[in-house]
N, C-alpha and C. Protein backbone atom coordinates (compact mmCIF):
# COMPACT_ATOMS: atom_id res chain seq x y z
N MET A 1 -17.63 -27.77 4.79
CA MET A 1 -16.84 -26.66 4.31
C MET A 1 -16.71 -25.65 5.45
N SER A 2 -15.50 -25.24 5.74
CA SER A 2 -15.29 -24.31 6.84
C SER A 2 -15.71 -22.90 6.45
N GLU A 3 -15.93 -22.06 7.44
CA GLU A 3 -16.41 -20.70 7.19
C GLU A 3 -15.46 -19.87 6.32
N PRO A 4 -14.13 -19.86 6.57
CA PRO A 4 -13.24 -19.08 5.69
C PRO A 4 -13.29 -19.55 4.24
N THR A 5 -13.39 -20.86 4.03
CA THR A 5 -13.45 -21.39 2.68
C THR A 5 -14.74 -20.97 1.99
N LEU A 6 -15.83 -21.00 2.73
CA LEU A 6 -17.11 -20.58 2.17
C LEU A 6 -17.06 -19.11 1.78
N SER A 7 -16.45 -18.29 2.62
CA SER A 7 -16.31 -16.87 2.30
C SER A 7 -15.47 -16.67 1.04
N GLU A 8 -14.40 -17.42 0.91
CA GLU A 8 -13.56 -17.35 -0.28
C GLU A 8 -14.36 -17.75 -1.52
N LEU A 9 -15.16 -18.77 -1.39
CA LEU A 9 -16.00 -19.22 -2.50
C LEU A 9 -16.99 -18.13 -2.90
N HIS A 10 -17.60 -17.51 -1.91
CA HIS A 10 -18.54 -16.41 -2.19
C HIS A 10 -17.85 -15.28 -2.93
N GLN A 11 -16.63 -14.95 -2.52
CA GLN A 11 -15.88 -13.88 -3.17
C GLN A 11 -15.57 -14.24 -4.63
N LYS A 12 -15.22 -15.49 -4.87
CA LYS A 12 -14.92 -15.92 -6.24
C LYS A 12 -16.17 -15.88 -7.11
N ILE A 13 -17.27 -16.33 -6.56
CA ILE A 13 -18.54 -16.30 -7.30
C ILE A 13 -18.93 -14.86 -7.61
N ASP A 14 -18.82 -13.99 -6.61
CA ASP A 14 -19.16 -12.58 -6.79
C ASP A 14 -18.29 -11.95 -7.87
N ALA A 15 -17.00 -12.24 -7.85
CA ALA A 15 -16.08 -11.69 -8.86
C ALA A 15 -16.44 -12.20 -10.25
N GLY A 16 -16.80 -13.46 -10.35
CA GLY A 16 -17.18 -14.04 -11.64
C GLY A 16 -18.46 -13.42 -12.19
N VAL A 17 -19.43 -13.22 -11.32
CA VAL A 17 -20.69 -12.60 -11.75
C VAL A 17 -20.46 -11.17 -12.20
N ARG A 18 -19.66 -10.42 -11.44
CA ARG A 18 -19.36 -9.03 -11.82
C ARG A 18 -18.64 -8.97 -13.17
N ALA A 19 -17.70 -9.88 -13.39
CA ALA A 19 -16.97 -9.90 -14.66
C ALA A 19 -17.91 -10.23 -15.82
N ALA A 20 -18.82 -11.17 -15.61
CA ALA A 20 -19.77 -11.55 -16.66
C ALA A 20 -20.71 -10.39 -16.99
N ILE A 21 -21.17 -9.68 -15.97
CA ILE A 21 -22.05 -8.53 -16.20
C ILE A 21 -21.31 -7.44 -16.96
N ALA A 22 -20.06 -7.17 -16.56
CA ALA A 22 -19.26 -6.14 -17.24
C ALA A 22 -19.06 -6.49 -18.71
N GLU A 23 -18.80 -7.76 -19.00
CA GLU A 23 -18.62 -8.20 -20.39
C GLU A 23 -19.91 -8.06 -21.19
N ALA A 24 -21.04 -8.41 -20.58
CA ALA A 24 -22.32 -8.30 -21.28
C ALA A 24 -22.64 -6.83 -21.59
N ILE A 25 -22.38 -5.95 -20.64
CA ILE A 25 -22.63 -4.52 -20.86
C ILE A 25 -21.72 -4.00 -21.96
N GLU A 26 -20.46 -4.37 -21.92
CA GLU A 26 -19.51 -3.92 -22.94
C GLU A 26 -19.91 -4.44 -24.32
N ARG A 27 -20.38 -5.67 -24.38
CA ARG A 27 -20.82 -6.25 -25.66
C ARG A 27 -22.00 -5.46 -26.22
N HIS A 28 -22.95 -5.12 -25.37
CA HIS A 28 -24.09 -4.32 -25.82
C HIS A 28 -23.62 -2.97 -26.35
N ARG A 29 -22.68 -2.34 -25.66
CA ARG A 29 -22.18 -1.04 -26.09
C ARG A 29 -21.53 -1.14 -27.46
N LYS A 30 -20.68 -2.16 -27.64
CA LYS A 30 -19.96 -2.33 -28.90
C LYS A 30 -20.89 -2.67 -30.06
N LEU A 31 -21.95 -3.42 -29.78
CA LEU A 31 -22.88 -3.83 -30.84
C LEU A 31 -23.98 -2.79 -31.09
N GLY A 32 -23.97 -1.70 -30.32
CA GLY A 32 -24.97 -0.66 -30.51
C GLY A 32 -26.33 -0.99 -29.94
N GLU A 33 -26.37 -1.88 -28.97
CA GLU A 33 -27.63 -2.29 -28.35
C GLU A 33 -27.85 -1.54 -27.05
N SER A 34 -29.09 -1.26 -26.74
CA SER A 34 -29.42 -0.56 -25.49
C SER A 34 -29.47 -1.56 -24.33
N ILE A 35 -29.40 -1.02 -23.11
CA ILE A 35 -29.57 -1.82 -21.90
C ILE A 35 -30.54 -1.08 -20.99
N SER A 36 -31.18 -1.81 -20.11
CA SER A 36 -32.06 -1.20 -19.11
C SER A 36 -31.46 -1.44 -17.74
N ILE A 37 -31.48 -0.39 -16.91
CA ILE A 37 -30.92 -0.46 -15.56
C ILE A 37 -31.93 0.09 -14.57
N LEU A 38 -31.73 -0.21 -13.30
CA LEU A 38 -32.55 0.34 -12.23
C LEU A 38 -31.77 1.48 -11.58
N LYS A 39 -32.33 2.68 -11.60
CA LYS A 39 -31.67 3.84 -11.01
C LYS A 39 -32.68 4.62 -10.19
N ASP A 40 -32.41 4.77 -8.90
CA ASP A 40 -33.31 5.50 -8.00
C ASP A 40 -34.74 4.97 -8.05
N GLY A 41 -34.87 3.65 -8.14
CA GLY A 41 -36.18 3.03 -8.15
C GLY A 41 -36.91 3.11 -9.48
N GLN A 42 -36.26 3.64 -10.50
CA GLN A 42 -36.86 3.77 -11.83
C GLN A 42 -36.09 2.91 -12.83
N ILE A 43 -36.79 2.33 -13.77
CA ILE A 43 -36.13 1.59 -14.85
C ILE A 43 -35.76 2.59 -15.93
N ILE A 44 -34.49 2.64 -16.26
CA ILE A 44 -33.95 3.57 -17.24
C ILE A 44 -33.35 2.76 -18.39
N THR A 45 -33.63 3.14 -19.62
CA THR A 45 -33.02 2.49 -20.78
C THR A 45 -31.92 3.40 -21.32
N LEU A 46 -30.72 2.84 -21.41
CA LEU A 46 -29.57 3.57 -21.95
C LEU A 46 -29.30 3.10 -23.36
N THR A 47 -29.12 4.05 -24.27
CA THR A 47 -28.69 3.68 -25.62
C THR A 47 -27.22 3.30 -25.56
N ALA A 48 -26.72 2.69 -26.60
CA ALA A 48 -25.32 2.28 -26.63
C ALA A 48 -24.39 3.47 -26.42
N ASP A 49 -24.75 4.62 -26.94
CA ASP A 49 -23.93 5.82 -26.77
C ASP A 49 -23.89 6.30 -25.32
N GLN A 50 -24.90 5.97 -24.55
CA GLN A 50 -24.97 6.41 -23.15
C GLN A 50 -24.28 5.44 -22.20
N ILE A 51 -23.95 4.24 -22.66
CA ILE A 51 -23.29 3.26 -21.80
C ILE A 51 -21.83 3.66 -21.63
N PRO A 52 -21.38 3.84 -20.39
CA PRO A 52 -19.97 4.22 -20.18
C PRO A 52 -19.02 3.12 -20.65
N LYS A 53 -17.88 3.53 -21.18
CA LYS A 53 -16.88 2.56 -21.61
C LYS A 53 -16.29 1.85 -20.40
N LYS A 54 -15.92 0.60 -20.60
CA LYS A 54 -15.32 -0.20 -19.54
C LYS A 54 -13.93 0.34 -19.25
N THR A 55 -13.64 0.57 -17.97
CA THR A 55 -12.32 1.04 -17.56
C THR A 55 -11.72 0.04 -16.59
N ALA A 56 -10.45 0.18 -16.30
CA ALA A 56 -9.79 -0.70 -15.34
C ALA A 56 -10.47 -0.59 -13.98
N LYS A 57 -10.86 0.62 -13.58
CA LYS A 57 -11.52 0.82 -12.29
C LYS A 57 -12.86 0.10 -12.24
N SER A 58 -13.65 0.16 -13.31
CA SER A 58 -14.96 -0.48 -13.32
C SER A 58 -14.84 -2.01 -13.30
N GLN A 59 -13.72 -2.55 -13.74
CA GLN A 59 -13.52 -3.99 -13.70
C GLN A 59 -13.30 -4.47 -12.27
N ILE A 60 -12.72 -3.62 -11.44
CA ILE A 60 -12.42 -3.99 -10.05
C ILE A 60 -13.67 -3.97 -9.20
N GLN A 61 -14.56 -3.03 -9.40
CA GLN A 61 -15.73 -2.86 -8.55
C GLN A 61 -16.73 -3.95 -8.72
């Protein structure tokens, strides 16, 4: 596999993982379930009300 192709594959995998994470977070928010995240070296638990809604911008990042 050539280097440009490998890079393209990595980008596709990264995009897929990001999309799956965004969907899982959104599902937790909609179902009223909390999530735990790492922020500034601390584990923080967010209630469903504290989880930001999914936006078009957050889907891109």
